[in-house]
């Protein structure tokens, strides 16, 4: 039996598919695709509105985290030292966000 050399070799072709990676960080109503002019940077009224939105959002987010952790830790009726420390940190973050918002409101009223 005679077999040619080309029949004995095997070739594999690997096709690579492109992978598309999309990063999503959340919705930002003030994001602009313009590379040249950002109205929120140059207009004082719009800048104030944007800053107010972000400070109010920080207060809402800190309050949500505090409420979520408080409900989770109080559900079993036992509050460990580690849980109490985390709650204290969340409370501090919330109070800091509220203080920043109050300072902003007093400066811009």
C-alpha atoms as a PDB file:
ATOM      1  CA  UNK A   1       0.000   0.000   0.000  1.00  0.00           C
ATOM      2  CA  UNK A   2       1.364   3.378  -0.964  1.00  0.00           C
ATOM      3  CA  UNK A   3       0.130   6.605   0.628  1.00  0.00           C
ATOM      4  CA  UNK A   4       1.303   9.977  -0.500  1.00  0.00           C
ATOM      5  CA  UNK A   5       2.905  12.331   2.003  1.00  0.00           C
ATOM      6  CA  UNK A   6       0.237  14.988   1.531  1.00  0.00           C
ATOM      7  CA  UNK A   7      -2.456  12.619   2.757  1.00  0.00           C
ATOM      8  CA  UNK A   8      -0.569  12.001   6.003  1.00  0.00           C
ATOM      9  CA  UNK A   9      -0.299  15.617   7.103  1.00  0.00           C
ATOM     10  CA  UNK A  10      -3.175  17.380   8.760  1.00  0.00           C
ATOM     11  CA  UNK A  11      -3.665  21.077   8.788  1.00  0.00           C
ATOM     12  CA  UNK A  12      -5.903  22.978  11.106  1.00  0.00           C
ATOM     13  CA  UNK A  13      -7.241  26.389  10.475  1.00  0.00           C
ATOM     14  CA  UNK A  14      -8.358  28.381  13.469  1.00  0.00           C
ATOM     15  CA  UNK A  15     -10.708  31.204  12.801  1.00  0.00           C
ATOM     16  CA  UNK A  16     -10.722  33.948  15.409  1.00  0.00           C
ATOM     17  CA  UNK A  17     -13.913  35.828  16.012  1.00  0.00           C
ATOM     18  CA  UNK A  18     -13.729  39.450  17.024  1.00  0.00           C
ATOM     19  CA  UNK A  19     -14.754  40.106  20.607  1.00  0.00           C
ATOM     20  CA  UNK A  20     -16.638  43.298  21.340  1.00  0.00           C
ATOM     21  CA  UNK A  21     -16.290  44.616  24.864  1.00  0.00           C
ATOM     22  CA  UNK A  22     -18.637  47.313  26.038  1.00  0.00           C
ATOM     23  CA  UNK A  23     -18.139  49.084  29.305  1.00  0.00           C
ATOM     24  CA  UNK A  24     -21.240  50.462  30.955  1.00  0.00           C
ATOM     25  CA  UNK A  25     -20.904  52.681  33.992  1.00  0.00           C
ATOM     26  CA  UNK A  26     -24.453  53.936  34.208  1.00  0.00           C
ATOM     27  CA  UNK A  27     -26.576  56.703  32.879  1.00  0.00           C
ATOM     28  CA  UNK A  28     -25.147  60.201  32.938  1.00  0.00           C
ATOM     29  CA  UNK A  29     -27.595  62.869  31.730  1.00  0.00           C
ATOM     30  CA  UNK A  30     -24.828  65.445  31.389  1.00  0.00           C
ATOM     31  CA  UNK A  31     -22.499  63.424  29.142  1.00  0.00           C
ATOM     32  CA  UNK A  32     -21.908  65.050  25.777  1.00  0.00           C
ATOM     33  CA  UNK A  33     -20.333  63.505  22.721  1.00  0.00           C
ATOM     34  CA  UNK A  34     -19.099  66.867  21.525  1.00  0.00           C
ATOM     35  CA  UNK A  35     -15.310  67.087  21.592  1.00  0.00           C
ATOM     36  CA  UNK A  36     -15.183  70.831  21.120  1.00  0.00           C
ATOM     37  CA  UNK A  37     -17.755  72.557  23.293  1.00  0.00           C
ATOM     38  CA  UNK A  38     -19.219  71.486  26.597  1.00  0.00           C
ATOM     39  CA  UNK A  39     -22.043  73.846  27.619  1.00  0.00           C
ATOM     40  CA  UNK A  40     -21.965  72.521  31.185  1.00  0.00           C
ATOM     41  CA  UNK A  41     -18.364  73.657  31.510  1.00  0.00           C
ATOM     42  CA  UNK A  42     -18.823  77.222  30.318  1.00  0.00           C
ATOM     43  CA  UNK A  43     -22.349  78.178  31.358  1.00  0.00           C
ATOM     44  CA  UNK A  44     -22.546  78.960  35.110  1.00  0.00           C
ATOM     45  CA  UNK A  45     -26.262  78.156  35.374  1.00  0.00           C
ATOM     46  CA  UNK A  46     -25.889  74.750  33.702  1.00  0.00           C
ATOM     47  CA  UNK A  47     -22.795  73.972  35.762  1.00  0.00           C
ATOM     48  CA  UNK A  48     -24.744  74.759  38.938  1.00  0.00           C
ATOM     49  CA  UNK A  49     -27.590  72.472  37.826  1.00  0.00           C
ATOM     50  CA  UNK A  50     -25.153  69.668  37.075  1.00  0.00           C
ATOM     51  CA  UNK A  51     -23.372  70.036  40.419  1.00  0.00           C
ATOM     52  CA  UNK A  52     -26.700  70.099  42.281  1.00  0.00           C
ATOM     53  CA  UNK A  53     -27.805  66.918  40.476  1.00  0.00           C
ATOM     54  CA  UNK A  54     -24.604  65.054  41.401  1.00  0.00           C
ATOM     55  CA  UNK A  55     -24.710  66.154  45.049  1.00  0.00           C
ATOM     56  CA  UNK A  56     -28.366  65.139  45.394  1.00  0.00           C
ATOM     57  CA  UNK A  57     -27.590  61.815  43.730  1.00  0.00           C
ATOM     58  CA  UNK A  58     -24.724  61.235  46.179  1.00  0.00           C
ATOM     59  CA  UNK A  59     -27.152  61.782  49.078  1.00  0.00           C
ATOM     60  CA  UNK A  60     -29.709  59.386  47.560  1.00  0.00           C
ATOM     61  CA  UNK A  61     -27.076  56.707  46.932  1.00  0.00           C
ATOM     62  CA  UNK A  62     -25.583  57.012  50.425  1.00  0.00           C
ATOM     63  CA  UNK A  63     -29.061  56.804  51.970  1.00  0.00           C
ATOM     64  CA  UNK A  64     -29.890  53.682  49.925  1.00  0.00           C
ATOM     65  CA  UNK A  65     -26.673  51.961  51.023  1.00  0.00           C
ATOM     66  CA  UNK A  66     -27.284  52.865  54.670  1.00  0.00           C
ATOM     67  CA  UNK A  67     -30.887  51.616  54.596  1.00  0.00           C
ATOM     68  CA  UNK A  68     -29.926  48.418  52.793  1.00  0.00           C
ATOM     69  CA  UNK A  69     -27.160  47.568  55.250  1.00  0.00           C
ATOM     70  CA  UNK A  70     -29.298  48.487  58.255  1.00  0.00           C
ATOM     71  CA  UNK A  71     -32.128  46.217  57.070  1.00  0.00           C
ATOM     72  CA  UNK A  72     -29.704  43.378  56.333  1.00  0.00           C
ATOM     73  CA  UNK A  73     -27.919  43.565  59.670  1.00  0.00           C
ATOM     74  CA  UNK A  74     -31.046  44.017  61.777  1.00  0.00           C
ATOM     75  CA  UNK A  75     -32.897  41.145  60.086  1.00  0.00           C
ATOM     76  CA  UNK A  76     -31.336  38.483  62.338  1.00  0.00           C
ATOM     77  CA  UNK A  77     -31.576  40.584  65.501  1.00  0.00           C
ATOM     78  CA  UNK A  78     -27.840  40.410  66.285  1.00  0.00           C
ATOM     79  CA  UNK A  79     -25.476  43.256  65.493  1.00  0.00           C
ATOM     80  CA  UNK A  80     -21.818  42.214  65.533  1.00  0.00           C
ATOM     81  CA  UNK A  81     -18.945  44.624  66.025  1.00  0.00           C
ATOM     82  CA  UNK A  82     -17.981  44.382  62.358  1.00  0.00           C
ATOM     83  CA  UNK A  83     -21.537  45.136  61.255  1.00  0.00           C
ATOM     84  CA  UNK A  84     -21.778  48.051  63.686  1.00  0.00           C
ATOM     85  CA  UNK A  85     -18.529  49.462  62.318  1.00  0.00           C
ATOM     86  CA  UNK A  86     -19.786  49.196  58.745  1.00  0.00           C
ATOM     87  CA  UNK A  87     -23.075  50.870  59.689  1.00  0.00           C
ATOM     88  CA  UNK A  88     -21.136  53.665  61.385  1.00  0.00           C
ATOM     89  CA  UNK A  89     -19.060  54.127  58.217  1.00  0.00           C
ATOM     90  CA  UNK A  90     -22.206  54.208  56.041  1.00  0.00           C
ATOM     91  CA  UNK A  91     -23.787  56.737  58.419  1.00  0.00           C
ATOM     92  CA  UNK A  92     -20.642  58.885  58.209  1.00  0.00           C
ATOM     93  CA  UNK A  93     -20.702  58.736  54.389  1.00  0.00           C
ATOM     94  CA  UNK A  94     -24.370  59.741  54.377  1.00  0.00           C
ATOM     95  CA  UNK A  95     -23.784  62.654  56.759  1.00  0.00           C
ATOM     96  CA  UNK A  96     -20.819  63.814  54.671  1.00  0.00           C
ATOM     97  CA  UNK A  97     -22.919  63.787  51.478  1.00  0.00           C
ATOM     98  CA  UNK A  98     -25.710  65.712  53.217  1.00  0.00           C
ATOM     99  CA  UNK A  99     -23.200  68.265  54.541  1.00  0.00           C
ATOM    100  CA  UNK A 100     -21.792  68.799  51.033  1.00  0.00           C
ATOM    101  CA  UNK A 101     -25.298  69.277  49.633  1.00  0.00           C
ATOM    102  CA  UNK A 102     -26.221  71.708  52.410  1.00  0.00           C
ATOM    103  CA  UNK A 103     -23.013  73.674  51.852  1.00  0.00           C
ATOM    104  CA  UNK A 104     -23.729  73.814  48.117  1.00  0.00           C
ATOM    105  CA  UNK A 105     -27.309  74.961  48.718  1.00  0.00           C
ATOM    106  CA  UNK A 106     -26.239  77.665  51.168  1.00  0.00           C
ATOM    107  CA  UNK A 107     -23.612  78.975  48.726  1.00  0.00           C
ATOM    108  CA  UNK A 108     -26.013  79.036  45.758  1.00  0.00           C
ATOM    109  CA  UNK A 109     -29.203  80.301  47.302  1.00  0.00           C
END
